[in-house]
């Protein structure tokens, strides 16, 4: 039930992305940037210093810089260490006890770490909306777009995008700022999102918008 050891794979290029069903574009005045599960516990499964980890982190850092300058609220979903079986629920059956209560594995890498003014949400399930204040944060700030980066693309990223769709929030999955167990899982998540619940885009496209 531990996380798999992830083999290196290249991030998708713009010409490899699935076609979106919707023509949505990001409006910085309507968007929130969600940095999903970028804790060392999850990132340690990737080969250090190689793709997809290096590119995903670099693109996330670029997007954070650009969006903070534009006044886009930044939200981090982070899991708490040392969860009880009751808190884990069915995740215990699928993934075991979860993140250890250890600052080293709970930490977000410095290059993409939260800054003053960012919001941290304790995340309990695949979707960052479940048992958190994410929906209230969006509605309370009059924002109806959610840009999602982080890991893992076919699990929490995809489930959060689908949950956003069910709340009439437009989700954007950043193809080269997410990473996954494999390129096959990564591509599957992008195809499903583009066809069912979100717009799939790239870091360069988002930095150029707005």
Protein backbone atom coordinates (compact mmCIF):
# COMPACT_ATOMS: atom_id res chain seq x y z
CA UNK A 1 0.00 0.00 0.00
CA UNK A 2 3.04 2.28 -0.09
CA UNK A 3 3.54 4.76 -2.88
CA UNK A 4 5.16 3.21 -5.96
CA UNK A 5 8.70 3.94 -7.05
CA UNK A 6 8.19 6.18 -10.06
CA UNK A 7 10.37 5.80 -13.14
CA UNK A 8 11.50 8.95 -14.97
CA UNK A 9 9.31 10.15 -17.82
CA UNK A 10 9.11 13.32 -19.91
CA UNK A 11 6.40 15.84 -19.28
CA UNK A 12 3.91 16.25 -22.15
CA UNK A 13 4.62 18.95 -24.69
CA UNK A 14 1.92 21.31 -26.02
CA UNK A 15 1.47 19.28 -29.21
CA UNK A 16 0.81 16.15 -27.15
CA UNK A 17 -2.09 17.54 -25.14
CA UNK A 18 -5.66 16.32 -25.62
CA UNK A 19 -8.19 18.59 -27.26
CA UNK A 20 -10.34 20.49 -24.80
CA UNK A 21 -14.12 20.33 -25.14
CA UNK A 22 -14.42 23.86 -23.79
CA UNK A 23 -12.74 27.11 -24.93
CA UNK A 24 -12.13 28.42 -21.41
CA UNK A 25 -9.29 30.80 -20.61
CA UNK A 26 -8.05 31.91 -17.22
CA UNK A 27 -8.96 35.36 -15.95
CA UNK A 28 -6.61 36.34 -13.09
CA UNK A 29 -9.42 38.35 -11.52
CA UNK A 30 -11.58 35.22 -11.30
CA UNK A 31 -8.95 32.56 -10.55
CA UNK A 32 -7.41 30.84 -7.56
CA UNK A 33 -4.20 28.80 -7.90
CA UNK A 34 -4.29 25.48 -6.03
CA UNK A 35 -0.95 23.84 -5.24
CA UNK A 36 -1.97 20.28 -4.58
CA UNK A 37 -0.09 17.88 -2.24
CA UNK A 38 3.44 19.11 -2.99
CA UNK A 39 4.86 17.62 0.19
CA UNK A 40 8.08 15.65 0.41
CA UNK A 41 6.13 12.53 1.35
CA UNK A 42 4.60 12.44 -2.12
CA UNK A 43 7.55 13.86 -4.04
CA UNK A 44 9.99 11.32 -2.60
CA UNK A 45 8.51 8.67 -4.90
CA UNK A 46 9.96 10.48 -7.93
CA UNK A 47 13.59 10.13 -9.06
CA UNK A 48 15.40 13.19 -7.72
CA UNK A 49 16.88 15.58 -10.27
CA UNK A 50 14.95 14.08 -13.20
CA UNK A 51 11.73 14.56 -15.09
CA UNK A 52 8.91 14.74 -14.37
CA UNK A 53 9.80 16.11 -10.94
CA UNK A 54 12.23 18.80 -12.05
CA UNK A 55 10.00 20.23 -14.76
CA UNK A 56 6.85 20.05 -12.66
CA UNK A 57 8.48 21.95 -9.79
CA UNK A 58 10.10 24.51 -12.10
CA UNK A 59 6.83 25.21 -13.89
CA UNK A 60 4.93 25.43 -10.62
CA UNK A 61 7.48 27.96 -9.35
CA UNK A 62 7.11 30.04 -12.53
CA UNK A 63 3.34 30.03 -12.25
CA UNK A 64 3.45 30.96 -8.56
CA UNK A 65 5.67 33.94 -9.33
CA UNK A 66 3.48 35.14 -12.20
CA UNK A 67 0.19 34.68 -10.39
CA UNK A 68 1.30 36.25 -7.13
CA UNK A 69 2.36 39.33 -9.12
CA UNK A 70 -1.10 39.44 -10.68
CA UNK A 71 -2.86 39.18 -7.33
CA UNK A 72 -4.20 35.66 -7.85
CA UNK A 73 -4.86 34.00 -4.47
CA UNK A 74 -2.68 30.94 -3.85
CA UNK A 75 -4.00 27.99 -1.87
CA UNK A 76 -1.99 24.96 -0.75
CA UNK A 77 -3.60 21.62 0.04
CA UNK A 78 -1.45 19.72 2.53
CA UNK A 79 -2.05 16.53 4.44
CA UNK A 80 -1.52 16.36 8.16
CA UNK A 81 0.95 13.88 9.56
CA UNK A 82 0.04 11.12 11.98
CA UNK A 83 -3.62 10.77 11.02
CA UNK A 84 -5.73 8.38 13.05
CA UNK A 85 -7.50 5.46 11.36
CA UNK A 86 -10.77 7.35 11.80
CA UNK A 87 -9.34 10.39 10.05
CA UNK A 88 -7.91 8.27 7.24
CA UNK A 89 -11.16 6.44 6.58
CA UNK A 90 -11.09 4.39 3.38
CA UNK A 91 -7.73 5.87 2.43
CA UNK A 92 -6.29 3.56 5.05
CA UNK A 93 -7.47 0.54 3.04
CA UNK A 94 -6.00 1.84 -0.21
CA UNK A 95 -2.84 3.66 0.88
CA UNK A 96 -2.05 2.70 4.45
CA UNK A 97 -1.47 5.10 7.36
CA UNK A 98 -0.42 8.06 5.22
CA UNK A 99 2.01 10.84 5.96
CA UNK A 100 4.25 10.44 9.01
CA UNK A 101 4.21 13.10 11.70
CA UNK A 102 7.65 14.30 10.64
CA UNK A 103 8.43 17.88 9.54
CA UNK A 104 10.87 16.59 6.92
CA UNK A 105 8.22 14.65 5.00
CA UNK A 106 5.44 17.17 5.62
CA UNK A 107 7.48 20.03 4.15
CA UNK A 108 6.86 21.69 0.78
CA UNK A 109 10.08 22.26 -1.22
CA UNK A 110 11.53 25.74 -0.84
CA UNK A 111 11.18 26.61 -4.52
CA UNK A 112 7.40 26.22 -4.36
CA UNK A 113 6.80 26.87 -0.65
CA UNK A 114 3.95 28.97 0.72
CA UNK A 115 4.57 32.67 1.24
CA UNK A 116 2.86 35.16 3.58
CA UNK A 117 -0.66 35.76 2.35
CA UNK A 118 -1.11 32.27 0.90
CA UNK A 119 -3.76 29.94 2.34
CA UNK A 120 -3.02 26.44 3.67
CA UNK A 121 -5.83 23.90 3.76
CA UNK A 122 -5.61 20.58 5.57
CA UNK A 123 -6.61 18.01 2.97
CA UNK A 124 -8.33 14.77 3.96
CA UNK A 125 -9.51 13.05 0.78
CA UNK A 126 -8.62 12.91 -2.93
CA UNK A 127 -10.53 16.11 -3.65
CA UNK A 128 -9.22 19.28 -2.05
CA UNK A 129 -12.85 20.38 -1.58
CA UNK A 130 -13.79 17.62 0.87
CA UNK A 131 -13.83 18.71 4.53
CA UNK A 132 -11.99 21.95 3.69
CA UNK A 133 -12.93 25.61 3.21
CA UNK A 134 -11.91 25.69 -0.47
CA UNK A 135 -15.45 26.18 -1.79
CA UNK A 136 -16.11 28.93 0.74
CA UNK A 137 -12.83 30.63 -0.12
CA UNK A 138 -13.78 30.71 -3.80
CA UNK A 139 -17.30 31.98 -3.24
CA UNK A 140 -16.24 34.43 -0.56
CA UNK A 141 -13.74 36.10 -2.90
CA UNK A 142 -16.06 36.05 -5.90
CA UNK A 143 -13.84 33.66 -7.85
CA UNK A 144 -15.08 30.81 -10.03
CA UNK A 145 -11.92 29.46 -11.64
CA UNK A 146 -9.43 27.00 -10.13
CA UNK A 147 -5.99 26.43 -11.63
CA UNK A 148 -4.55 23.14 -10.36
CA UNK A 149 -0.88 22.11 -10.16
CA UNK A 150 0.80 19.36 -8.15
CA UNK A 151 0.47 15.61 -7.64
CA UNK A 152 -0.81 13.10 -8.43
CA UNK A 153 -2.49 13.91 -11.73
CA UNK A 154 -4.81 10.89 -11.94
CA UNK A 155 -5.79 10.95 -8.26
CA UNK A 156 -6.13 14.17 -6.29
CA UNK A 157 -5.62 16.58 -9.17
CA UNK A 158 -8.26 14.90 -11.31
CA UNK A 159 -10.72 14.39 -8.46
CA UNK A 160 -10.40 18.04 -7.42
CA UNK A 161 -11.01 19.17 -11.01
CA UNK A 162 -14.09 16.94 -11.23
CA UNK A 163 -15.34 18.22 -7.89
CA UNK A 164 -14.88 21.80 -9.09
CA UNK A 165 -17.00 21.02 -12.16
CA UNK A 166 -19.78 19.71 -9.94
CA UNK A 167 -19.73 23.05 -8.10
CA UNK A 168 -19.79 25.10 -11.33
CA UNK A 169 -16.19 26.17 -10.82
CA UNK A 170 -14.10 26.14 -13.99
CA UNK A 171 -11.01 24.01 -13.42
CA UNK A 172 -7.75 24.26 -15.35
CA UNK A 173 -5.23 21.40 -15.14
CA UNK A 174 -1.71 22.55 -15.97
CA UNK A 175 -0.28 19.64 -17.95
CA UNK A 176 3.40 20.43 -17.36
CA UNK A 177 2.95 21.48 -13.71
CA UNK A 178 1.43 18.18 -12.56
CA UNK A 179 3.10 14.78 -12.26
CA UNK A 180 1.98 11.20 -11.76
CA UNK A 181 2.92 7.57 -11.18
CA UNK A 182 3.71 7.15 -14.89
CA UNK A 183 3.35 8.92 -18.21
CA UNK A 184 0.40 6.63 -18.98
CA UNK A 185 -1.39 7.75 -15.79
CA UNK A 186 -0.47 11.36 -16.52
CA UNK A 187 -1.88 11.22 -20.05
CA UNK A 188 -5.03 9.43 -18.90
CA UNK A 189 -5.72 12.16 -16.34
CA UNK A 190 -5.29 14.88 -18.95
CA UNK A 191 -7.56 13.13 -21.44
CA UNK A 192 -10.29 12.58 -18.86
CA UNK A 193 -10.08 16.14 -17.57
CA UNK A 194 -10.14 17.68 -21.05
CA UNK A 195 -13.10 15.58 -22.07
CA UNK A 196 -15.21 15.66 -18.91
CA UNK A 197 -14.56 18.42 -16.40
CA UNK A 198 -11.73 20.87 -17.09
CA UNK A 199 -9.53 22.68 -19.56
CA UNK A 200 -6.01 21.32 -19.95
CA UNK A 201 -3.34 23.94 -20.50
CA UNK A 202 0.37 24.67 -20.03
CA UNK A 203 2.46 26.96 -17.88
CA UNK A 204 3.54 29.07 -20.84
CA UNK A 205 -0.06 29.51 -21.99
CA UNK A 206 -1.18 30.64 -18.53
CA UNK A 207 1.68 33.07 -18.06
CA UNK A 208 0.78 34.55 -21.44
CA UNK A 209 -2.89 34.98 -20.49
CA UNK A 210 -4.24 37.86 -18.48
